[in-house]
């Protein structure tokens, strides 16, 4: 691994990180989230997501979604069909989100 830091970039894989604090039951949130995920799965550039729930605070979740690039993500969330999904999530939770581009990645080898 080189000691040099790569320069800034806005192309290539992007990761969207969204943390949620619920105002509803976890079951209701997960149902609404699943509908939203199904919509996004059909959008160009979608690579996958992981929804995780806090171990000690069951009303807190984090979604980590992977996209081919920032433009694909932005196109998906500005699609008119996404608005009802965003509204449904806002109705049952508060959230904080950011979009990131990959800088470094390591995957452990299975032994």
C-alpha atoms as a PDB file:
ATOM      1  CA  UNK A   1       0.000   0.000   0.000  1.00  0.00           C
ATOM      2  CA  UNK A   2       1.388   3.388  -0.960  1.00  0.00           C
ATOM      3  CA  UNK A   3       1.795   6.139   1.641  1.00  0.00           C
ATOM      4  CA  UNK A   4       0.458   8.662  -0.866  1.00  0.00           C
ATOM      5  CA  UNK A   5      -3.160   9.692  -0.483  1.00  0.00           C
ATOM      6  CA  UNK A   6      -5.158   9.507  -3.707  1.00  0.00           C
ATOM      7  CA  UNK A   7      -6.582  12.800  -4.947  1.00  0.00           C
ATOM      8  CA  UNK A   8     -10.232  13.758  -4.469  1.00  0.00           C
ATOM      9  CA  UNK A   9     -12.716  12.151  -6.807  1.00  0.00           C
ATOM     10  CA  UNK A  10     -16.441  12.171  -7.440  1.00  0.00           C
ATOM     11  CA  UNK A  11     -16.456   9.255  -9.857  1.00  0.00           C
ATOM     12  CA  UNK A  12     -16.359   5.570  -9.184  1.00  0.00           C
ATOM     13  CA  UNK A  13     -18.202   3.652  -6.462  1.00  0.00           C
ATOM     14  CA  UNK A  14     -20.198   5.687  -3.944  1.00  0.00           C
ATOM     15  CA  UNK A  15     -21.511   4.754  -0.516  1.00  0.00           C
ATOM     16  CA  UNK A  16     -24.618   6.355   0.969  1.00  0.00           C
ATOM     17  CA  UNK A  17     -24.788   6.189   4.765  1.00  0.00           C
ATOM     18  CA  UNK A  18     -28.090   7.010   6.454  1.00  0.00           C
ATOM     19  CA  UNK A  19     -28.732   6.719  10.195  1.00  0.00           C
ATOM     20  CA  UNK A  20     -32.314   6.514  11.456  1.00  0.00           C
ATOM     21  CA  UNK A  21     -33.935   7.087  14.839  1.00  0.00           C
ATOM     22  CA  UNK A  22     -37.412   5.578  14.918  1.00  0.00           C
ATOM     23  CA  UNK A  23     -40.726   7.088  15.985  1.00  0.00           C
ATOM     24  CA  UNK A  24     -42.515   3.805  15.282  1.00  0.00           C
ATOM     25  CA  UNK A  25     -42.009   0.110  15.912  1.00  0.00           C
ATOM     26  CA  UNK A  26     -38.976  -1.583  14.367  1.00  0.00           C
ATOM     27  CA  UNK A  27     -41.348  -3.887  12.446  1.00  0.00           C
ATOM     28  CA  UNK A  28     -43.190  -0.948  10.847  1.00  0.00           C
ATOM     29  CA  UNK A  29     -39.929   0.799   9.974  1.00  0.00           C
ATOM     30  CA  UNK A  30     -38.454  -2.332   8.408  1.00  0.00           C
ATOM     31  CA  UNK A  31     -41.587  -2.830   6.313  1.00  0.00           C
ATOM     32  CA  UNK A  32     -41.432   0.750   4.984  1.00  0.00           C
ATOM     33  CA  UNK A  33     -37.678   0.477   4.456  1.00  0.00           C
ATOM     34  CA  UNK A  34     -38.124  -2.763   2.477  1.00  0.00           C
ATOM     35  CA  UNK A  35     -40.568  -1.049   0.084  1.00  0.00           C
ATOM     36  CA  UNK A  36     -38.095   1.791  -0.398  1.00  0.00           C
ATOM     37  CA  UNK A  37     -35.254  -0.662  -0.984  1.00  0.00           C
ATOM     38  CA  UNK A  38     -37.262  -2.562  -3.624  1.00  0.00           C
ATOM     39  CA  UNK A  39     -37.801   0.722  -5.495  1.00  0.00           C
ATOM     40  CA  UNK A  40     -34.092   1.604  -5.371  1.00  0.00           C
ATOM     41  CA  UNK A  41     -32.936  -1.904  -6.341  1.00  0.00           C
ATOM     42  CA  UNK A  42     -34.406  -1.336  -9.807  1.00  0.00           C
ATOM     43  CA  UNK A  43     -32.550   1.932 -10.405  1.00  0.00           C
ATOM     44  CA  UNK A  44     -29.478   1.989 -12.677  1.00  0.00           C
ATOM     45  CA  UNK A  45     -26.224   1.946 -10.725  1.00  0.00           C
ATOM     46  CA  UNK A  46     -27.602   0.321  -7.564  1.00  0.00           C
ATOM     47  CA  UNK A  47     -25.089  -2.227  -6.228  1.00  0.00           C
ATOM     48  CA  UNK A  48     -26.533  -3.251  -2.869  1.00  0.00           C
ATOM     49  CA  UNK A  49     -27.240  -2.230   0.695  1.00  0.00           C
ATOM     50  CA  UNK A  50     -26.918  -3.358   4.293  1.00  0.00           C
ATOM     51  CA  UNK A  51     -29.417  -2.295   6.950  1.00  0.00           C
ATOM     52  CA  UNK A  52     -28.122  -2.728  10.506  1.00  0.00           C
ATOM     53  CA  UNK A  53     -29.837  -2.249  13.866  1.00  0.00           C
ATOM     54  CA  UNK A  54     -28.093  -0.923  16.958  1.00  0.00           C
ATOM     55  CA  UNK A  55     -27.392  -3.707  19.464  1.00  0.00           C
ATOM     56  CA  UNK A  56     -28.354  -1.741  22.590  1.00  0.00           C
ATOM     57  CA  UNK A  57     -30.781   0.832  21.166  1.00  0.00           C
ATOM     58  CA  UNK A  58     -33.399  -0.990  19.053  1.00  0.00           C
ATOM     59  CA  UNK A  59     -34.869   2.288  17.763  1.00  0.00           C
ATOM     60  CA  UNK A  60     -31.637   3.132  15.894  1.00  0.00           C
ATOM     61  CA  UNK A  61     -30.647   1.817  12.456  1.00  0.00           C
ATOM     62  CA  UNK A  62     -27.982   2.540   9.869  1.00  0.00           C
ATOM     63  CA  UNK A  63     -28.311   1.865   6.149  1.00  0.00           C
ATOM     64  CA  UNK A  64     -25.167   1.538   4.044  1.00  0.00           C
ATOM     65  CA  UNK A  65     -26.002   1.556   0.328  1.00  0.00           C
ATOM     66  CA  UNK A  66     -23.531   1.055  -2.486  1.00  0.00           C
ATOM     67  CA  UNK A  67     -23.882   2.728  -5.879  1.00  0.00           C
ATOM     68  CA  UNK A  68     -21.813   2.612  -9.060  1.00  0.00           C
ATOM     69  CA  UNK A  69     -21.165   6.353  -8.760  1.00  0.00           C
ATOM     70  CA  UNK A  70     -22.599   9.511  -7.129  1.00  0.00           C
ATOM     71  CA  UNK A  71     -24.543  10.459 -10.273  1.00  0.00           C
ATOM     72  CA  UNK A  72     -26.466   7.162 -10.231  1.00  0.00           C
ATOM     73  CA  UNK A  73     -27.417   7.693  -6.591  1.00  0.00           C
ATOM     74  CA  UNK A  74     -28.520  11.284  -7.224  1.00  0.00           C
ATOM     75  CA  UNK A  75     -30.587  10.227 -10.243  1.00  0.00           C
ATOM     76  CA  UNK A  76     -32.354   7.571  -8.155  1.00  0.00           C
ATOM     77  CA  UNK A  77     -33.280   9.874  -5.281  1.00  0.00           C
ATOM     78  CA  UNK A  78     -34.437  12.691  -7.562  1.00  0.00           C
ATOM     79  CA  UNK A  79     -36.665  10.331  -9.563  1.00  0.00           C
ATOM     80  CA  UNK A  80     -40.297  11.370  -8.994  1.00  0.00           C
ATOM     81  CA  UNK A  81     -41.131   7.828  -7.904  1.00  0.00           C
ATOM     82  CA  UNK A  82     -38.785   8.102  -4.917  1.00  0.00           C
ATOM     83  CA  UNK A  83     -40.633  10.989  -3.210  1.00  0.00           C
ATOM     84  CA  UNK A  84     -43.414   8.854  -1.656  1.00  0.00           C
ATOM     85  CA  UNK A  85     -40.793   6.487  -0.228  1.00  0.00           C
ATOM     86  CA  UNK A  86     -38.817   9.342   1.307  1.00  0.00           C
ATOM     87  CA  UNK A  87     -42.016  10.791   2.785  1.00  0.00           C
ATOM     88  CA  UNK A  88     -42.978   7.434   4.298  1.00  0.00           C
ATOM     89  CA  UNK A  89     -39.573   7.078   5.966  1.00  0.00           C
ATOM     90  CA  UNK A  90     -39.703  10.662   7.272  1.00  0.00           C
ATOM     91  CA  UNK A  91     -43.131   9.962   8.775  1.00  0.00           C
ATOM     92  CA  UNK A  92     -41.748   7.203  11.024  1.00  0.00           C
ATOM     93  CA  UNK A  93     -38.154   8.302  11.680  1.00  0.00           C
ATOM     94  CA  UNK A  94     -35.627  11.091  11.753  1.00  0.00           C
ATOM     95  CA  UNK A  95     -32.466  10.571   9.760  1.00  0.00           C
ATOM     96  CA  UNK A  96     -29.053  11.929   8.980  1.00  0.00           C
ATOM     97  CA  UNK A  97     -27.330  11.002   5.737  1.00  0.00           C
ATOM     98  CA  UNK A  98     -24.230  11.591   3.644  1.00  0.00           C
ATOM     99  CA  UNK A  99     -22.790  10.352   0.362  1.00  0.00           C
ATOM    100  CA  UNK A 100     -19.176   9.162   0.250  1.00  0.00           C
ATOM    101  CA  UNK A 101     -16.751   8.015  -2.451  1.00  0.00           C
ATOM    102  CA  UNK A 102     -14.412   5.126  -1.808  1.00  0.00           C
ATOM    103  CA  UNK A 103     -10.872   5.995  -0.833  1.00  0.00           C
ATOM    104  CA  UNK A 104      -9.513   2.671   0.341  1.00  0.00           C
ATOM    105  CA  UNK A 105     -10.976  -0.780   0.754  1.00  0.00           C
ATOM    106  CA  UNK A 106      -9.687  -3.967   2.342  1.00  0.00           C
ATOM    107  CA  UNK A 107     -11.409  -7.322   2.498  1.00  0.00           C
ATOM    108  CA  UNK A 108     -10.103 -10.059   4.772  1.00  0.00           C
ATOM    109  CA  UNK A 109      -9.357 -13.384   3.160  1.00  0.00           C
ATOM    110  CA  UNK A 110     -11.244 -16.362   4.542  1.00  0.00           C
ATOM    111  CA  UNK A 111      -8.898 -19.022   5.823  1.00  0.00           C
END
